[in-house]
C-alpha atoms as a PDB file:
ATOM      1  CA  UNK A   1       3.843   9.189  34.600  1.00  0.00           C
ATOM      2  CA  UNK A   2       3.685  12.916  34.178  1.00  0.00           C
ATOM      3  CA  UNK A   3       7.041  14.243  35.375  1.00  0.00           C
ATOM      4  CA  UNK A   4       7.071  17.089  37.862  1.00  0.00           C
ATOM      5  CA  UNK A   5       4.360  18.084  40.302  1.00  0.00           C
ATOM      6  CA  UNK A   6       2.258  21.116  41.091  1.00  0.00           C
ATOM      7  CA  UNK A   7       1.896  21.803  44.783  1.00  0.00           C
ATOM      8  CA  UNK A   8       0.072  23.880  47.328  1.00  0.00           C
ATOM      9  CA  UNK A   9      -0.007  24.128  51.097  1.00  0.00           C
ATOM     10  CA  UNK A  10      -2.750  22.691  53.291  1.00  0.00           C
ATOM     11  CA  UNK A  11      -4.154  26.175  53.910  1.00  0.00           C
ATOM     12  CA  UNK A  12      -4.468  27.078  50.216  1.00  0.00           C
ATOM     13  CA  UNK A  13      -8.013  28.196  49.371  1.00  0.00           C
ATOM     14  CA  UNK A  14      -9.924  25.895  47.019  1.00  0.00           C
ATOM     15  CA  UNK A  15     -10.278  28.703  44.452  1.00  0.00           C
ATOM     16  CA  UNK A  16      -6.458  28.962  44.301  1.00  0.00           C
ATOM     17  CA  UNK A  17      -6.224  25.195  43.790  1.00  0.00           C
ATOM     18  CA  UNK A  18      -8.847  25.392  41.022  1.00  0.00           C
ATOM     19  CA  UNK A  19      -6.872  28.214  39.385  1.00  0.00           C
ATOM     20  CA  UNK A  20      -3.698  26.087  39.455  1.00  0.00           C
ATOM     21  CA  UNK A  21      -5.509  23.150  37.875  1.00  0.00           C
ATOM     22  CA  UNK A  22      -7.008  25.212  35.084  1.00  0.00           C
ATOM     23  CA  UNK A  23      -3.868  27.245  34.377  1.00  0.00           C
ATOM     24  CA  UNK A  24      -1.713  24.123  34.025  1.00  0.00           C
ATOM     25  CA  UNK A  25      -4.444  21.833  32.663  1.00  0.00           C
ATOM     26  CA  UNK A  26      -3.932  19.127  35.303  1.00  0.00           C
ATOM     27  CA  UNK A  27      -6.341  17.032  37.325  1.00  0.00           C
ATOM     28  CA  UNK A  28      -4.433  16.843  40.613  1.00  0.00           C
ATOM     29  CA  UNK A  29      -2.382  19.040  42.928  1.00  0.00           C
ATOM     30  CA  UNK A  30      -0.030  17.633  45.573  1.00  0.00           C
ATOM     31  CA  UNK A  31      -0.631  19.115  49.023  1.00  0.00           C
ATOM     32  CA  UNK A  32       2.259  19.659  51.435  1.00  0.00           C
ATOM     33  CA  UNK A  33       1.883  20.149  55.182  1.00  0.00           C
ATOM     34  CA  UNK A  34       4.410  22.956  55.212  1.00  0.00           C
ATOM     35  CA  UNK A  35       7.270  23.719  57.524  1.00  0.00           C
ATOM     36  CA  UNK A  36      10.237  21.362  57.299  1.00  0.00           C
ATOM     37  CA  UNK A  37       8.114  18.469  56.006  1.00  0.00           C
ATOM     38  CA  UNK A  38       9.387  17.246  52.616  1.00  0.00           C
ATOM     39  CA  UNK A  39       6.948  14.397  52.114  1.00  0.00           C
ATOM     40  CA  UNK A  40       3.609  15.159  50.457  1.00  0.00           C
ATOM     41  CA  UNK A  41       0.670  15.275  52.867  1.00  0.00           C
ATOM     42  CA  UNK A  42      -2.194  14.663  50.425  1.00  0.00           C
ATOM     43  CA  UNK A  43      -3.514  14.952  46.894  1.00  0.00           C
ATOM     44  CA  UNK A  44      -6.470  17.030  45.773  1.00  0.00           C
ATOM     45  CA  UNK A  45      -8.034  15.906  42.513  1.00  0.00           C
ATOM     46  CA  UNK A  46     -10.463  17.667  40.243  1.00  0.00           C
ATOM     47  CA  UNK A  47     -13.196  15.352  41.541  1.00  0.00           C
ATOM     48  CA  UNK A  48     -12.325  16.264  45.140  1.00  0.00           C
ATOM     49  CA  UNK A  49     -12.680  19.890  44.128  1.00  0.00           C
ATOM     50  CA  UNK A  50     -16.046  19.246  42.469  1.00  0.00           C
ATOM     51  CA  UNK A  51     -17.279  17.491  45.627  1.00  0.00           C
ATOM     52  CA  UNK A  52     -16.310  20.536  47.713  1.00  0.00           C
ATOM     53  CA  UNK A  53     -17.556  23.253  45.370  1.00  0.00           C
ATOM     54  CA  UNK A  54     -20.187  24.431  47.886  1.00  0.00           C
ATOM     55  CA  UNK A  55     -17.642  24.891  50.676  1.00  0.00           C
ATOM     56  CA  UNK A  56     -15.138  27.607  51.398  1.00  0.00           C
ATOM     57  CA  UNK A  57     -12.630  25.057  52.580  1.00  0.00           C
ATOM     58  CA  UNK A  58      -8.930  24.712  52.065  1.00  0.00           C
ATOM     59  CA  UNK A  59      -6.824  22.171  50.217  1.00  0.00           C
ATOM     60  CA  UNK A  60      -6.102  20.402  53.504  1.00  0.00           C
ATOM     61  CA  UNK A  61      -9.781  19.971  54.284  1.00  0.00           C
ATOM     62  CA  UNK A  62     -10.497  18.321  50.923  1.00  0.00           C
ATOM     63  CA  UNK A  63      -7.329  16.470  49.919  1.00  0.00           C
ATOM     64  CA  UNK A  64      -7.138  12.705  50.046  1.00  0.00           C
ATOM     65  CA  UNK A  65      -4.619  11.663  52.653  1.00  0.00           C
ATOM     66  CA  UNK A  66      -2.454   9.702  53.235  1.00  0.00           C
ATOM     67  CA  UNK A  67      -0.663   9.840  49.924  1.00  0.00           C
ATOM     68  CA  UNK A  68      -0.363   6.610  47.937  1.00  0.00           C
ATOM     69  CA  UNK A  69       3.028   6.275  46.258  1.00  0.00           C
ATOM     70  CA  UNK A  70       4.713   4.103  43.679  1.00  0.00           C
ATOM     71  CA  UNK A  71       8.343   3.986  42.655  1.00  0.00           C
ATOM     72  CA  UNK A  72       9.676   4.385  39.155  1.00  0.00           C
ATOM     73  CA  UNK A  73      10.428   0.639  39.173  1.00  0.00           C
ATOM     74  CA  UNK A  74       6.904  -0.524  40.099  1.00  0.00           C
ATOM     75  CA  UNK A  75       4.916  -2.391  37.471  1.00  0.00           C
ATOM     76  CA  UNK A  76       1.816  -1.139  35.715  1.00  0.00           C
ATOM     77  CA  UNK A  77      -0.191  -3.931  37.348  1.00  0.00           C
ATOM     78  CA  UNK A  78       0.991  -2.873  40.814  1.00  0.00           C
ATOM     79  CA  UNK A  79       0.058   0.758  40.160  1.00  0.00           C
ATOM     80  CA  UNK A  80      -3.397  -0.272  38.938  1.00  0.00           C
ATOM     81  CA  UNK A  81      -3.848  -2.503  42.006  1.00  0.00           C
ATOM     82  CA  UNK A  82      -2.979   0.411  44.327  1.00  0.00           C
ATOM     83  CA  UNK A  83      -5.442   2.670  42.519  1.00  0.00           C
ATOM     84  CA  UNK A  84      -8.200   0.092  42.981  1.00  0.00           C
ATOM     85  CA  UNK A  85      -7.361  -0.645  46.627  1.00  0.00           C
ATOM     86  CA  UNK A  86      -7.238   3.028  47.593  1.00  0.00           C
ATOM     87  CA  UNK A  87     -10.010   4.222  45.260  1.00  0.00           C
ATOM     88  CA  UNK A  88      -7.748   6.909  43.838  1.00  0.00           C
ATOM     89  CA  UNK A  89      -7.061   8.149  40.344  1.00  0.00           C
ATOM     90  CA  UNK A  90      -3.634   9.612  41.103  1.00  0.00           C
ATOM     91  CA  UNK A  91      -0.502   8.099  42.626  1.00  0.00           C
ATOM     92  CA  UNK A  92       2.592  10.050  43.602  1.00  0.00           C
ATOM     93  CA  UNK A  93       5.773   8.720  41.997  1.00  0.00           C
ATOM     94  CA  UNK A  94       8.954   8.677  44.077  1.00  0.00           C
ATOM     95  CA  UNK A  95      12.428   7.545  43.033  1.00  0.00           C
ATOM     96  CA  UNK A  96      12.548   4.784  45.634  1.00  0.00           C
ATOM     97  CA  UNK A  97      10.879   3.736  48.863  1.00  0.00           C
ATOM     98  CA  UNK A  98      13.493   5.536  50.957  1.00  0.00           C
ATOM     99  CA  UNK A  99      12.981   8.994  49.438  1.00  0.00           C
ATOM    100  CA  UNK A 100       9.616  10.669  50.097  1.00  0.00           C
ATOM    101  CA  UNK A 101      10.323  13.454  47.594  1.00  0.00           C
ATOM    102  CA  UNK A 102       7.900  13.160  44.654  1.00  0.00           C
ATOM    103  CA  UNK A 103       9.149  13.293  41.069  1.00  0.00           C
ATOM    104  CA  UNK A 104       5.833  12.971  39.258  1.00  0.00           C
ATOM    105  CA  UNK A 105       2.211  11.898  39.236  1.00  0.00           C
ATOM    106  CA  UNK A 106       0.748   8.726  37.751  1.00  0.00           C
ATOM    107  CA  UNK A 107      -2.892   9.101  36.727  1.00  0.00           C
ATOM    108  CA  UNK A 108      -5.462   6.628  35.487  1.00  0.00           C
ATOM    109  CA  UNK A 109      -4.972   8.135  32.018  1.00  0.00           C
ATOM    110  CA  UNK A 110      -1.230   7.390  32.252  1.00  0.00           C
ATOM    111  CA  UNK A 111      -2.079   3.793  33.189  1.00  0.00           C
ATOM    112  CA  UNK A 112      -4.517   3.514  30.259  1.00  0.00           C
ATOM    113  CA  UNK A 113      -1.900   4.952  27.890  1.00  0.00           C
ATOM    114  CA  UNK A 114       0.764   2.481  29.061  1.00  0.00           C
ATOM    115  CA  UNK A 115      -1.697  -0.416  28.895  1.00  0.00           C
ATOM    116  CA  UNK A 116      -2.642   0.496  25.316  1.00  0.00           C
ATOM    117  CA  UNK A 117       1.045   0.503  24.323  1.00  0.00           C
ATOM    118  CA  UNK A 118       1.819  -2.941  25.788  1.00  0.00           C
ATOM    119  CA  UNK A 119       2.772  -5.573  23.249  1.00  0.00           C
END
């Protein structure tokens, strides 16, 4: 898992999302609905951005939603299964199933790294 998250609102322009990705060298931004909502609304990946490059859309129009989450206690196999089932390369990590507040992002590269380090 990569601790911490980078976020934007659903109305953020795609160019602003692209700028966030390049500035911080990340492949995904967590999208929040805004207002009093504390749970993430969606995730926009670099591939989502590439697919929408010809549009003048917003993060909310491109982001994958609903968000797929794992807890810090979930196994590597479970995370990989969720990625396959939901055809996603990024999962949002939460402390437990009760708290929707994200603490990090788990990417396919994180899964590959953990798999390579297994004994």
